[in-house]
Amino acid sequence: MARIKIEIPGKPIGSVNIPVRITDINYGNHVGNDSIVSIIHEARAQWLKSFNYSEMDMAGVSSIMSDLAVEYKRESLYGDVLEITLYAGEISRVGFDLFYTLETNRNGNKLLIAKAKTGIVCFDYENKKVVTVPEKLKTILVG
């Protein structure tokens, strides 16, 4: 069976810390896959907010996710504070890739919990069509 392998590109473009909530814990007593996806979403929203952007207004355009991949490395537990570091990948005319590492410090050790990748397309919801990545956003993505 082929496994997903995510290669994290270049230098970080941002980082946020998100504590694991009790509601993130599943019946296996660790963070569930659905919660990992929600934590990645929250990290992206907080990162955008640091530039006074949102997913509905990134320098005048909105976003829509075109794909998502997660490579799980180890369990995350209640009490972990996840440091999510964001990286920009390929930037095309209408979209870009964001990569994420999710890490925690536990018992004095930095542990990699997961790596993820999202494909983001710039979108005009009113006209229901893709639009060009704004130059201001490209500047942020290239660091």
N, C-alpha and C. Protein backbone atom coordinates (compact mmCIF):
# COMPACT_ATOMS: atom_id res chain seq x y z
N MET A 1 0.85 -1.18 0.00
CA MET A 1 0.00 0.00 0.00
C MET A 1 0.89 1.24 0.00
N ALA A 2 0.65 2.13 -0.94
CA ALA A 2 1.40 3.38 -1.00
C ALA A 2 0.96 4.30 0.12
N ARG A 3 1.91 4.92 0.78
CA ARG A 3 1.63 5.84 1.88
C ARG A 3 1.88 7.27 1.41
N ILE A 4 1.12 8.20 1.95
CA ILE A 4 1.35 9.61 1.65
C ILE A 4 2.62 10.05 2.33
N LYS A 5 3.48 10.73 1.59
CA LYS A 5 4.70 11.32 2.13
C LYS A 5 4.69 12.80 1.77
N ILE A 6 4.62 13.65 2.76
CA ILE A 6 4.57 15.09 2.54
C ILE A 6 5.96 15.68 2.77
N GLU A 7 6.48 16.34 1.76
CA GLU A 7 7.77 17.02 1.86
C GLU A 7 7.51 18.50 2.14
N ILE A 8 7.99 18.98 3.27
CA ILE A 8 7.78 20.37 3.66
C ILE A 8 8.77 21.25 2.91
N PRO A 9 8.28 22.27 2.19
CA PRO A 9 9.18 23.12 1.40
C PRO A 9 9.71 24.32 2.17
N GLY A 10 10.86 24.81 1.75
CA GLY A 10 11.38 26.13 2.11
C GLY A 10 11.33 26.53 3.57
N LYS A 11 11.22 27.83 3.74
CA LYS A 11 11.24 28.40 5.09
C LYS A 11 9.81 28.69 5.57
N PRO A 12 9.63 28.71 6.90
CA PRO A 12 8.29 28.98 7.45
C PRO A 12 7.80 30.39 7.11
N ILE A 13 6.49 30.50 6.96
CA ILE A 13 5.88 31.81 6.73
C ILE A 13 5.01 32.24 7.91
N GLY A 14 4.91 31.38 8.92
CA GLY A 14 4.13 31.72 10.09
C GLY A 14 4.00 30.54 11.02
N SER A 15 3.54 30.84 12.25
CA SER A 15 3.38 29.80 13.25
C SER A 15 2.32 30.23 14.25
N VAL A 16 1.50 29.28 14.69
CA VAL A 16 0.49 29.54 15.72
C VAL A 16 0.50 28.37 16.70
N ASN A 17 0.06 28.65 17.92
CA ASN A 17 -0.06 27.61 18.95
C ASN A 17 -1.53 27.38 19.25
N ILE A 18 -1.92 26.11 19.27
CA ILE A 18 -3.31 25.75 19.53
C ILE A 18 -3.33 24.61 20.55
N PRO A 19 -3.95 24.84 21.72
CA PRO A 19 -4.04 23.76 22.71
C PRO A 19 -5.07 22.71 22.28
N VAL A 20 -4.76 21.46 22.59
CA VAL A 20 -5.71 20.37 22.34
C VAL A 20 -6.81 20.45 23.38
N ARG A 21 -8.06 20.47 22.91
CA ARG A 21 -9.22 20.52 23.80
C ARG A 21 -9.72 19.10 24.10
N ILE A 22 -10.44 18.95 25.17
CA ILE A 22 -10.99 17.63 25.50
C ILE A 22 -11.93 17.15 24.39
N THR A 23 -12.58 18.09 23.72
CA THR A 23 -13.50 17.70 22.63
C THR A 23 -12.75 17.24 21.38
N ASP A 24 -11.42 17.41 21.33
CA ASP A 24 -10.62 16.92 20.22
C ASP A 24 -10.27 15.43 20.39
N ILE A 25 -10.50 14.90 21.59
CA ILE A 25 -10.09 13.53 21.91
C ILE A 25 -11.19 12.55 21.48
N ASN A 26 -10.77 11.46 20.83
CA ASN A 26 -11.73 10.45 20.37
C ASN A 26 -11.71 9.22 21.28
N TYR A 27 -12.40 8.18 20.90
CA TYR A 27 -12.50 6.96 21.71
C TYR A 27 -11.16 6.25 21.85
N GLY A 28 -10.18 6.55 21.02
CA GLY A 28 -8.83 5.99 21.15
C GLY A 28 -7.98 6.75 22.16
N ASN A 29 -8.58 7.76 22.80
CA ASN A 29 -7.94 8.60 23.80
C ASN A 29 -6.80 9.45 23.23
N HIS A 30 -6.93 9.80 21.94
CA HIS A 30 -5.99 10.74 21.31
C HIS A 30 -6.79 11.65 20.37
N VAL A 31 -6.11 12.65 19.81
CA VAL A 31 -6.79 13.59 18.92
C VAL A 31 -7.26 12.84 17.67
N GLY A 32 -8.52 12.99 17.33
CA GLY A 32 -9.09 12.33 16.16
C GLY A 32 -8.69 13.00 14.86
N ASN A 33 -8.79 12.24 13.77
CA ASN A 33 -8.39 12.80 12.47
C ASN A 33 -9.24 14.00 12.09
N ASP A 34 -10.52 13.99 12.44
CA ASP A 34 -11.38 15.13 12.14
C ASP A 34 -10.92 16.38 12.89
N SER A 35 -10.44 16.19 14.11
CA SER A 35 -9.95 17.33 14.89
C SER A 35 -8.62 17.85 14.34
N ILE A 36 -7.78 16.96 13.84
CA ILE A 36 -6.52 17.42 13.22
C ILE A 36 -6.84 18.35 12.05
N VAL A 37 -7.82 17.96 11.23
CA VAL A 37 -8.21 18.80 10.09
C VAL A 37 -8.76 20.14 10.59
N SER A 38 -9.56 20.12 11.65
CA SER A 38 -10.10 21.37 12.22
C SER A 38 -8.98 22.24 12.79
N ILE A 39 -7.99 21.63 13.41
CA ILE A 39 -6.86 22.39 13.97
C ILE A 39 -6.06 23.03 12.85
N ILE A 40 -5.86 22.32 11.75
CA ILE A 40 -5.18 22.89 10.59
C ILE A 40 -5.97 24.09 10.05
N HIS A 41 -7.28 23.94 9.98
CA HIS A 41 -8.15 25.03 9.51
C HIS A 41 -8.01 26.24 10.44
N GLU A 42 -8.06 26.01 11.74
CA GLU A 42 -7.92 27.10 12.71
C GLU A 42 -6.56 27.79 12.57
N ALA A 43 -5.50 27.00 12.37
CA ALA A 43 -4.16 27.57 12.21
C ALA A 43 -4.11 28.48 10.98
N ARG A 44 -4.71 28.02 9.88
CA ARG A 44 -4.73 28.82 8.65
C ARG A 44 -5.51 30.11 8.88
N ALA A 45 -6.65 30.03 9.57
CA ALA A 45 -7.46 31.22 9.85
C ALA A 45 -6.70 32.21 10.74
N GLN A 46 -6.02 31.70 11.77
CA GLN A 46 -5.24 32.59 12.64
C GLN A 46 -4.07 33.22 11.89
N TRP A 47 -3.42 32.43 11.03
CA TRP A 47 -2.31 32.96 10.24
C TRP A 47 -2.82 34.09 9.32
N LEU A 48 -3.92 33.87 8.63
CA LEU A 48 -4.49 34.91 7.77
C LEU A 48 -4.86 36.15 8.58
N LYS A 49 -5.44 35.93 9.77
CA LYS A 49 -5.85 37.06 10.62
C LYS A 49 -4.64 37.92 11.02
N SER A 50 -3.46 37.30 11.14
CA SER A 50 -2.27 38.08 11.50
C SER A 50 -1.92 39.11 10.43
N PHE A 51 -2.48 38.96 9.21
CA PHE A 51 -2.30 39.94 8.13
C PHE A 51 -3.58 40.74 7.88
N ASN A 52 -4.53 40.65 8.82
CA ASN A 52 -5.84 41.27 8.68
C ASN A 52 -6.62 40.71 7.50
N TYR A 53 -6.40 39.44 7.19
CA TYR A 53 -7.13 38.73 6.14
C TYR A 53 -8.02 37.67 6.78
N SER A 54 -8.92 37.14 5.98
CA SER A 54 -9.73 35.99 6.36
C SER A 54 -9.84 35.11 5.13
N GLU A 55 -10.42 33.94 5.29
CA GLU A 55 -10.58 33.06 4.14
C GLU A 55 -11.56 33.64 3.11
N MET A 56 -12.38 34.58 3.54
CA MET A 56 -13.32 35.23 2.63
C MET A 56 -12.80 36.55 2.08
N ASP A 57 -11.67 37.01 2.60
CA ASP A 57 -11.07 38.25 2.10
C ASP A 57 -9.56 38.21 2.27
N MET A 58 -8.89 37.67 1.27
CA MET A 58 -7.42 37.64 1.22
C MET A 58 -7.01 38.65 0.16
N ALA A 59 -6.81 39.89 0.59
CA ALA A 59 -6.45 40.96 -0.34
C ALA A 59 -7.49 41.10 -1.44
N GLY A 60 -8.75 40.94 -1.07
CA GLY A 60 -9.85 41.16 -2.02
C GLY A 60 -10.42 39.92 -2.68
N VAL A 61 -9.86 38.75 -2.42
CA VAL A 61 -10.41 37.51 -2.99
C VAL A 61 -10.71 36.52 -1.87
N SER A 62 -11.58 35.58 -2.14
CA SER A 62 -11.90 34.53 -1.19
C SER A 62 -11.10 33.28 -1.52
N SER A 63 -11.24 32.27 -0.69
CA SER A 63 -10.52 31.02 -0.93
C SER A 63 -11.47 29.84 -0.88
N ILE A 64 -11.05 28.79 -1.55
CA ILE A 64 -11.76 27.52 -1.50
C ILE A 64 -10.68 26.44 -1.51
N MET A 65 -10.87 25.40 -0.71
CA MET A 65 -9.86 24.34 -0.63
C MET A 65 -10.07 23.35 -1.77
N SER A 66 -8.98 23.05 -2.47
CA SER A 66 -9.08 22.10 -3.59
C SER A 66 -8.61 20.71 -3.21
N ASP A 67 -7.74 20.60 -2.21
CA ASP A 67 -7.31 19.28 -1.76
C ASP A 67 -6.70 19.38 -0.37
N LEU A 68 -6.58 18.21 0.26
CA LEU A 68 -6.04 18.12 1.62
C LEU A 68 -5.38 16.76 1.78
N ALA A 69 -4.20 16.76 2.38
CA ALA A 69 -3.52 15.51 2.72
C ALA A 69 -2.91 15.67 4.11
N VAL A 70 -2.96 14.58 4.88
CA VAL A 70 -2.36 14.58 6.21
C VAL A 70 -1.52 13.32 6.35
N GLU A 71 -0.32 13.50 6.85
CA GLU A 71 0.57 12.38 7.16
C GLU A 71 0.74 12.35 8.68
N TYR A 72 0.12 11.36 9.30
CA TYR A 72 0.17 11.25 10.76
C TYR A 72 1.48 10.59 11.17
N LYS A 73 2.12 11.13 12.21
CA LYS A 73 3.40 10.60 12.69
C LYS A 73 3.27 9.97 14.08
N ARG A 74 2.48 10.58 14.95
CA ARG A 74 2.27 10.02 16.29
C ARG A 74 1.02 10.63 16.90
N GLU A 75 0.59 10.07 18.00
CA GLU A 75 -0.62 10.55 18.69
C GLU A 75 -0.40 11.93 19.30
N SER A 76 -1.47 12.69 19.32
CA SER A 76 -1.50 13.91 20.11
C SER A 76 -2.51 13.67 21.22
N LEU A 77 -2.19 14.17 22.41
CA LEU A 77 -2.97 13.87 23.61
C LEU A 77 -3.56 15.12 24.23
N TYR A 78 -4.59 14.92 25.05
CA TYR A 78 -5.15 16.04 25.79
C TYR A 78 -4.05 16.67 26.64
N GLY A 79 -3.97 17.99 26.60
CA GLY A 79 -2.92 18.72 27.32
C GLY A 79 -1.80 19.18 26.41
N ASP A 80 -1.66 18.55 25.24
CA ASP A 80 -0.66 19.03 24.29
C ASP A 80 -1.01 20.44 23.82
N VAL A 81 0.00 21.25 23.61
CA VAL A 81 -0.17 22.51 22.90
C VAL A 81 0.54 22.31 21.57
N LEU A 82 -0.24 22.35 20.50
CA LEU A 82 0.32 22.10 19.18
C LEU A 82 0.87 23.40 18.60
N GLU A 83 2.12 23.35 18.17
CA GLU A 83 2.71 24.45 17.42
C GLU A 83 2.57 24.09 15.95
N ILE A 84 1.76 24.86 15.25
CA ILE A 84 1.54 24.62 13.83
C ILE A 84 2.34 25.65 13.06
N THR A 85 3.29 25.16 12.27
CA THR A 85 4.13 26.04 11.45
C THR A 85 3.66 25.91 10.02
N LEU A 86 3.47 27.04 9.35
CA LEU A 86 2.98 27.07 7.97
C LEU A 86 4.12 27.39 7.01
N TYR A 87 4.01 26.79 5.83
CA TYR A 87 4.99 26.96 4.76
C TYR A 87 4.21 27.10 3.45
N ALA A 88 4.71 27.93 2.55
CA ALA A 88 4.08 28.06 1.23
C ALA A 88 4.78 27.14 0.25
N GLY A 89 4.00 26.50 -0.59
CA GLY A 89 4.54 25.68 -1.66
C GLY A 89 4.32 26.38 -2.99
N GLU A 90 3.99 25.60 -3.98
CA GLU A 90 3.80 26.13 -5.34
C GLU A 90 2.71 27.19 -5.37
N ILE A 91 2.99 28.27 -6.08
CA ILE A 91 2.01 29.33 -6.31
C ILE A 91 1.72 29.34 -7.81
N SER A 92 0.45 29.15 -8.16
CA SER A 92 0.06 29.20 -9.57
C SER A 92 -0.68 30.51 -9.83
N ARG A 93 -1.24 30.64 -11.00
CA ARG A 93 -1.98 31.86 -11.35
C ARG A 93 -3.21 32.04 -10.45
N VAL A 94 -3.88 30.93 -10.07
CA VAL A 94 -5.14 31.03 -9.33
C VAL A 94 -5.11 30.37 -7.96
N GLY A 95 -3.97 29.84 -7.54
CA GLY A 95 -3.96 29.16 -6.25
C GLY A 95 -2.56 28.94 -5.72
N PHE A 96 -2.50 28.27 -4.59
CA PHE A 96 -1.23 28.01 -3.92
C PHE A 96 -1.40 26.84 -2.96
N ASP A 97 -0.27 26.25 -2.60
CA ASP A 97 -0.25 25.17 -1.63
C ASP A 97 0.25 25.71 -0.30
N LEU A 98 -0.40 25.30 0.78
CA LEU A 98 0.10 25.57 2.12
C LEU A 98 0.45 24.24 2.76
N PHE A 99 1.59 24.21 3.44
CA PHE A 99 2.05 23.03 4.16
C PHE A 99 2.09 23.37 5.64
N TYR A 100 1.96 22.34 6.47
CA TYR A 100 1.88 22.52 7.92
C TYR A 100 2.68 21.42 8.62
N THR A 101 3.39 21.79 9.67
CA THR A 101 3.90 20.81 10.61
C THR A 101 3.18 21.05 11.93
N LEU A 102 2.76 19.98 12.58
CA LEU A 102 2.12 20.04 13.88
C LEU A 102 3.04 19.35 14.86
N GLU A 103 3.55 20.12 15.84
CA GLU A 103 4.51 19.60 16.80
C GLU A 103 4.06 19.97 18.21
N THR A 104 4.53 19.19 19.18
CA THR A 104 4.28 19.52 20.58
C THR A 104 5.52 19.22 21.39
N ASN A 105 5.63 19.87 22.52
CA ASN A 105 6.69 19.56 23.49
C ASN A 105 6.05 18.72 24.59
N ARG A 106 6.61 17.54 24.79
CA ARG A 106 6.09 16.65 25.82
C ARG A 106 7.28 16.04 26.56
N ASN A 107 7.28 16.20 27.88
CA ASN A 107 8.37 15.67 28.72
C ASN A 107 9.74 16.15 28.24
N GLY A 108 9.80 17.41 27.81
CA GLY A 108 11.07 17.98 27.38
C GLY A 108 11.51 17.60 25.97
N ASN A 109 10.65 16.88 25.25
CA ASN A 109 10.98 16.46 23.88
C ASN A 109 10.04 17.11 22.88
N LYS A 110 10.59 17.62 21.79
CA LYS A 110 9.77 18.16 20.70
C LYS A 110 9.37 16.99 19.81
N LEU A 111 8.06 16.79 19.65
CA LEU A 111 7.54 15.65 18.91
C LEU A 111 6.75 16.11 17.69
N LEU A 112 7.04 15.50 16.55
CA LEU A 112 6.27 15.76 15.34
C LEU A 112 5.01 14.91 15.38
N ILE A 113 3.87 15.56 15.37
CA ILE A 113 2.58 14.87 15.41
C ILE A 113 2.08 14.55 14.01
N ALA A 114 2.17 15.53 13.11
CA ALA A 114 1.66 15.33 11.75
C ALA A 114 2.24 16.38 10.82
N LYS A 115 2.19 16.06 9.53
CA LYS A 115 2.47 17.01 8.46
C LYS A 115 1.22 17.05 7.59
N ALA A 116 0.95 18.21 7.02
CA ALA A 116 -0.25 18.33 6.18
C ALA A 116 0.01 19.28 5.02
N LYS A 117 -0.86 19.16 4.03
CA LYS A 117 -0.81 20.03 2.84
C LYS A 117 -2.24 20.35 2.44
N THR A 118 -2.49 21.62 2.15
CA THR A 118 -3.78 22.02 1.58
C THR A 118 -3.54 22.77 0.28
N GLY A 119 -4.36 22.49 -0.70
CA GLY A 119 -4.37 23.26 -1.93
C GLY A 119 -5.46 24.32 -1.81
N ILE A 120 -5.09 25.56 -2.00
CA ILE A 120 -6.03 26.68 -1.87
C ILE A 120 -6.18 27.36 -3.23
N VAL A 121 -7.42 27.57 -3.63
CA VAL A 121 -7.72 28.26 -4.88
C VAL A 121 -8.40 29.58 -4.54
N CYS A 122 -7.98 30.66 -5.20
CA CYS A 122 -8.64 31.96 -5.03
C CYS A 122 -9.96 31.92 -5.80
N PHE A 123 -11.01 32.39 -5.13
CA PHE A 123 -12.35 32.17 -5.67
C PHE A 123 -13.22 33.40 -5.47
N ASP A 124 -14.06 33.66 -6.45
CA ASP A 124 -15.07 34.72 -6.39
C ASP A 124 -16.41 34.03 -6.19
N TYR A 125 -16.92 34.05 -4.96
CA TYR A 125 -18.17 33.34 -4.65
C TYR A 125 -19.38 33.97 -5.33
N GLU A 126 -19.35 35.27 -5.52
CA GLU A 126 -20.49 35.95 -6.16
C GLU A 126 -20.66 35.48 -7.60
N ASN A 127 -19.53 35.37 -8.33
CA ASN A 127 -19.59 34.96 -9.73
C ASN A 127 -19.27 33.48 -9.93
N LYS A 128 -18.99 32.78 -8.83
CA LYS A 128 -18.72 31.33 -8.87
C LYS A 128 -17.62 30.97 -9.86
N LYS A 129 -16.46 31.66 -9.71
CA LYS A 129 -15.35 31.35 -10.60
C LYS A 129 -14.02 31.59 -9.89
N VAL A 130 -12.98 30.91 -10.39
CA VAL A 130 -11.65 31.12 -9.84
C VAL A 130 -11.12 32.46 -10.31
N VAL A 131 -10.23 33.04 -9.49
CA VAL A 131 -9.65 34.35 -9.80
C VAL A 131 -8.14 34.30 -9.51
N THR A 132 -7.44 35.27 -9.99
CA THR A 132 -5.99 35.35 -9.86
C THR A 132 -5.57 35.63 -8.42
N VAL A 133 -4.47 35.02 -8.00
CA VAL A 133 -3.89 35.28 -6.68
C VAL A 133 -3.42 36.74 -6.65
N PRO A 134 -3.88 37.54 -5.69
CA PRO A 134 -3.45 38.94 -5.61
C PRO A 134 -1.95 39.06 -5.31
N GLU A 135 -1.32 40.08 -5.85
CA GLU A 135 0.11 40.31 -5.64
C GLU A 135 0.44 40.47 -4.15
N LYS A 136 -0.43 41.15 -3.38
CA LYS A 136 -0.19 41.33 -1.96
C LYS A 136 -0.11 39.98 -1.24
N LEU A 137 -0.95 39.05 -1.64
CA LEU A 137 -0.95 37.73 -1.05
C LEU A 137 0.30 36.94 -1.47
N LYS A 138 0.68 37.07 -2.73
CA LYS A 138 1.90 36.40 -3.21
C LYS A 138 3.11 36.86 -2.40
N THR A 139 3.17 38.15 -2.09
CA THR A 139 4.28 38.71 -1.31
C THR A 139 4.36 38.04 0.06
N ILE A 140 3.24 37.82 0.69
CA ILE A 140 3.21 37.14 1.99
C ILE A 140 3.65 35.69 1.85
N LEU A 141 3.19 35.04 0.79
CA LEU A 141 3.49 33.62 0.59
C LEU A 141 4.98 33.35 0.32
N VAL A 142 5.63 34.26 -0.35
CA VAL A 142 7.05 34.04 -0.64
C VAL A 142 7.94 34.50 0.51
N GLY A 143 7.34 35.08 1.54
CA GLY A 143 8.10 35.47 2.73
C GLY A 143 8.87 36.67 2.49
